[in-house]
């Protein structure tokens, strides 16, 4: 049996500052820091404005890459 080459595919996540941070954690920490109203002003999406909840926000953000990117950028600029 040939030896496996561990260096064939370098870890693509090694330079990702959000590696191992879940989207739920990102949303929860932003809500704790800003509150829903201020978060909605920071990232203009309806799931933060109308009857907001972590569950509904996660559902929307998982289906909407541009919104998720904005939320992730806000998280990085706030906590990094």
N, C-alpha and C. Protein backbone atom coordinates (compact mmCIF):
# COMPACT_ATOMS: atom_id res chain seq x y z
N UNK A 1 0.84 -1.18 0.00
CA UNK A 1 0.00 0.00 0.00
C UNK A 1 0.89 1.24 0.00
N UNK A 2 0.71 2.16 -0.97
CA UNK A 2 1.57 3.34 -1.03
C UNK A 2 1.25 4.31 0.10
N UNK A 3 2.26 5.05 0.49
CA UNK A 3 2.08 6.06 1.54
C UNK A 3 1.26 7.23 0.99
N UNK A 4 0.42 7.79 1.82
CA UNK A 4 -0.38 8.94 1.42
C UNK A 4 0.46 10.20 1.52
N UNK A 5 0.39 11.01 0.50
CA UNK A 5 1.13 12.28 0.49
C UNK A 5 0.25 13.34 1.15
N UNK A 6 0.59 13.75 2.32
CA UNK A 6 -0.17 14.73 3.09
C UNK A 6 -0.07 16.14 2.50
N UNK A 7 0.92 16.39 1.64
CA UNK A 7 1.16 17.72 1.11
C UNK A 7 0.53 17.96 -0.26
N UNK A 8 -0.25 17.03 -0.74
CA UNK A 8 -0.85 17.18 -2.06
C UNK A 8 -1.79 18.38 -2.11
N UNK A 9 -2.63 18.54 -1.10
CA UNK A 9 -3.60 19.63 -1.08
C UNK A 9 -3.43 20.40 0.23
N UNK A 10 -2.80 21.56 0.16
CA UNK A 10 -2.62 22.33 1.40
C UNK A 10 -3.97 22.76 1.96
N UNK A 11 -3.98 23.00 3.24
CA UNK A 11 -5.21 23.41 3.90
C UNK A 11 -5.65 24.77 3.38
N UNK A 12 -6.75 24.78 2.62
CA UNK A 12 -7.25 26.01 2.01
C UNK A 12 -7.79 26.98 3.05
N UNK A 13 -8.12 26.50 4.23
CA UNK A 13 -8.70 27.35 5.26
C UNK A 13 -7.67 28.00 6.17
N UNK A 14 -6.41 27.71 6.00
CA UNK A 14 -5.40 28.21 6.93
C UNK A 14 -5.34 29.73 6.99
N UNK A 15 -5.70 30.42 5.90
CA UNK A 15 -5.66 31.88 5.89
C UNK A 15 -7.03 32.51 6.05
N UNK A 16 -8.04 31.73 6.31
CA UNK A 16 -9.40 32.24 6.45
C UNK A 16 -9.63 32.64 7.90
N UNK A 17 -9.82 33.93 8.18
CA UNK A 17 -10.01 34.36 9.57
C UNK A 17 -11.32 33.86 10.18
N UNK A 18 -12.26 33.40 9.35
CA UNK A 18 -13.53 32.89 9.86
C UNK A 18 -13.55 31.37 9.99
N UNK A 19 -12.41 30.74 9.73
CA UNK A 19 -12.34 29.28 9.83
C UNK A 19 -12.75 28.83 11.24
N UNK A 20 -13.62 27.89 11.30
CA UNK A 20 -14.16 27.27 12.53
C UNK A 20 -15.15 28.16 13.28
N UNK A 21 -15.51 29.30 12.73
CA UNK A 21 -16.53 30.16 13.34
C UNK A 21 -17.83 29.95 12.57
N UNK A 22 -18.86 29.50 13.26
CA UNK A 22 -20.11 29.20 12.59
C UNK A 22 -20.87 30.48 12.26
N UNK A 23 -21.73 30.38 11.27
CA UNK A 23 -22.57 31.52 10.91
C UNK A 23 -23.50 31.88 12.08
N UNK A 24 -23.97 30.89 12.80
CA UNK A 24 -24.81 31.15 13.97
C UNK A 24 -24.05 31.97 15.01
N UNK A 25 -22.81 31.63 15.25
CA UNK A 25 -21.99 32.40 16.21
C UNK A 25 -21.80 33.83 15.73
N UNK A 26 -21.55 34.00 14.42
CA UNK A 26 -21.36 35.33 13.86
C UNK A 26 -22.59 36.19 14.10
N UNK A 27 -23.76 35.65 13.74
CA UNK A 27 -25.01 36.41 13.89
C UNK A 27 -25.28 36.70 15.36
N UNK A 28 -25.12 35.72 16.21
CA UNK A 28 -25.40 35.89 17.64
C UNK A 28 -24.49 36.95 18.26
N UNK A 29 -23.21 36.91 17.94
CA UNK A 29 -22.28 37.89 18.50
C UNK A 29 -22.56 39.30 17.97
N UNK A 30 -22.93 39.40 16.71
CA UNK A 30 -23.27 40.72 16.16
C UNK A 30 -24.54 41.27 16.81
N UNK A 31 -25.53 40.43 17.03
CA UNK A 31 -26.77 40.87 17.69
C UNK A 31 -26.48 41.28 19.12
N UNK A 32 -25.66 40.51 19.82
CA UNK A 32 -25.30 40.86 21.20
C UNK A 32 -24.55 42.20 21.25
N UNK A 33 -23.73 42.44 20.25
CA UNK A 33 -22.92 43.66 20.22
C UNK A 33 -23.73 44.88 19.77
N UNK A 34 -24.47 44.75 18.68
CA UNK A 34 -25.18 45.89 18.08
C UNK A 34 -26.66 45.97 18.45
N UNK A 35 -27.31 44.82 18.66
CA UNK A 35 -28.77 44.78 18.76
C UNK A 35 -29.34 44.72 17.35
N UNK A 36 -30.59 44.26 17.23
CA UNK A 36 -31.18 44.07 15.91
C UNK A 36 -31.31 45.39 15.13
N UNK A 37 -31.75 46.45 15.78
CA UNK A 37 -31.99 47.71 15.07
C UNK A 37 -30.69 48.27 14.49
N UNK A 38 -29.65 48.30 15.29
CA UNK A 38 -28.37 48.82 14.80
C UNK A 38 -27.76 47.88 13.76
N UNK A 39 -27.93 46.59 13.95
CA UNK A 39 -27.42 45.63 12.98
C UNK A 39 -28.12 45.82 11.63
N UNK A 40 -29.42 46.10 11.65
CA UNK A 40 -30.17 46.36 10.42
C UNK A 40 -29.68 47.62 9.72
N UNK A 41 -29.20 48.60 10.49
CA UNK A 41 -28.63 49.80 9.88
C UNK A 41 -27.25 49.51 9.28
N UNK A 42 -26.51 48.62 9.91
CA UNK A 42 -25.18 48.24 9.43
C UNK A 42 -25.27 47.41 8.15
N UNK A 43 -26.19 46.43 8.15
CA UNK A 43 -26.40 45.54 7.01
C UNK A 43 -27.88 45.62 6.66
N UNK A 44 -28.20 46.28 5.56
CA UNK A 44 -29.58 46.58 5.20
C UNK A 44 -30.27 45.37 4.56
N UNK A 45 -30.72 44.44 5.40
CA UNK A 45 -31.47 43.29 4.92
C UNK A 45 -32.71 43.11 5.80
N UNK A 46 -33.80 42.70 5.18
CA UNK A 46 -35.08 42.62 5.87
C UNK A 46 -35.10 41.64 7.03
N UNK A 47 -34.32 40.57 6.97
CA UNK A 47 -34.37 39.60 8.06
C UNK A 47 -33.83 40.19 9.37
N UNK A 48 -33.13 41.31 9.30
CA UNK A 48 -32.68 42.01 10.50
C UNK A 48 -33.68 43.09 10.93
N UNK A 49 -34.61 43.44 10.04
CA UNK A 49 -35.55 44.54 10.31
C UNK A 49 -36.93 44.07 10.75
N UNK A 50 -37.49 43.11 10.05
CA UNK A 50 -38.88 42.69 10.27
C UNK A 50 -38.94 41.38 11.04
N UNK A 51 -39.38 41.47 12.28
CA UNK A 51 -39.51 40.30 13.16
C UNK A 51 -38.23 39.45 13.16
N UNK A 52 -37.10 40.05 13.53
CA UNK A 52 -35.81 39.35 13.42
C UNK A 52 -35.65 38.22 14.42
N UNK A 53 -34.98 37.19 13.98
CA UNK A 53 -34.58 36.09 14.86
C UNK A 53 -33.31 35.49 14.27
N UNK A 54 -32.56 34.83 15.11
CA UNK A 54 -31.33 34.18 14.63
C UNK A 54 -31.70 33.12 13.61
N UNK A 55 -32.73 32.34 13.87
CA UNK A 55 -33.13 31.25 12.98
C UNK A 55 -33.49 31.77 11.58
N UNK A 56 -34.32 32.80 11.50
CA UNK A 56 -34.71 33.32 10.19
C UNK A 56 -33.54 33.98 9.48
N UNK A 57 -32.67 34.62 10.24
CA UNK A 57 -31.49 35.25 9.65
C UNK A 57 -30.56 34.20 9.07
N UNK A 58 -30.35 33.12 9.79
CA UNK A 58 -29.48 32.04 9.29
C UNK A 58 -30.03 31.45 8.01
N UNK A 59 -31.33 31.23 7.97
CA UNK A 59 -31.96 30.66 6.77
C UNK A 59 -31.71 31.57 5.56
N UNK A 60 -31.92 32.87 5.74
CA UNK A 60 -31.72 33.83 4.66
C UNK A 60 -30.25 33.92 4.26
N UNK A 61 -29.37 34.03 5.23
CA UNK A 61 -27.95 34.21 4.93
C UNK A 61 -27.34 32.99 4.25
N UNK A 62 -27.82 31.81 4.58
CA UNK A 62 -27.31 30.60 3.93
C UNK A 62 -27.72 30.52 2.47
N UNK A 63 -28.82 31.17 2.11
CA UNK A 63 -29.29 31.15 0.72
C UNK A 63 -28.86 32.37 -0.08
N UNK A 64 -28.26 33.37 0.58
CA UNK A 64 -27.97 34.64 -0.07
C UNK A 64 -26.50 35.03 0.13
N UNK A 65 -25.66 34.62 -0.81
CA UNK A 65 -24.21 34.85 -0.64
C UNK A 65 -23.80 36.31 -0.44
N UNK A 66 -24.42 37.25 -1.14
CA UNK A 66 -24.01 38.65 -1.00
C UNK A 66 -24.31 39.17 0.41
N UNK A 67 -25.44 38.75 0.98
CA UNK A 67 -25.79 39.19 2.34
C UNK A 67 -24.86 38.54 3.36
N UNK A 68 -24.58 37.26 3.17
CA UNK A 68 -23.67 36.56 4.08
C UNK A 68 -22.30 37.23 4.06
N UNK A 69 -21.83 37.60 2.88
CA UNK A 69 -20.53 38.26 2.78
C UNK A 69 -20.52 39.58 3.54
N UNK A 70 -21.60 40.35 3.45
CA UNK A 70 -21.67 41.62 4.18
C UNK A 70 -21.64 41.38 5.69
N UNK A 71 -22.37 40.36 6.15
CA UNK A 71 -22.41 40.05 7.58
C UNK A 71 -21.04 39.58 8.06
N UNK A 72 -20.38 38.74 7.27
CA UNK A 72 -19.05 38.27 7.64
C UNK A 72 -18.04 39.42 7.68
N UNK A 73 -18.13 40.34 6.73
CA UNK A 73 -17.23 41.49 6.73
C UNK A 73 -17.47 42.38 7.94
N UNK A 74 -18.72 42.58 8.31
CA UNK A 74 -19.03 43.36 9.51
C UNK A 74 -18.46 42.69 10.74
N UNK A 75 -18.61 41.37 10.82
CA UNK A 75 -18.07 40.61 11.95
C UNK A 75 -16.55 40.81 12.05
N UNK A 76 -15.87 40.68 10.91
CA UNK A 76 -14.41 40.84 10.91
C UNK A 76 -14.00 42.25 11.30
N UNK A 77 -14.70 43.24 10.78
CA UNK A 77 -14.32 44.62 11.10
C UNK A 77 -14.67 44.98 12.54
N UNK A 78 -15.63 44.30 13.12
CA UNK A 78 -16.03 44.58 14.50
C UNK A 78 -15.15 43.85 15.50
N UNK A 79 -14.84 42.58 15.24
CA UNK A 79 -14.17 41.76 16.25
C UNK A 79 -12.74 41.37 15.92
N UNK A 80 -12.25 41.70 14.75
CA UNK A 80 -10.88 41.28 14.40
C UNK A 80 -9.86 42.30 14.88
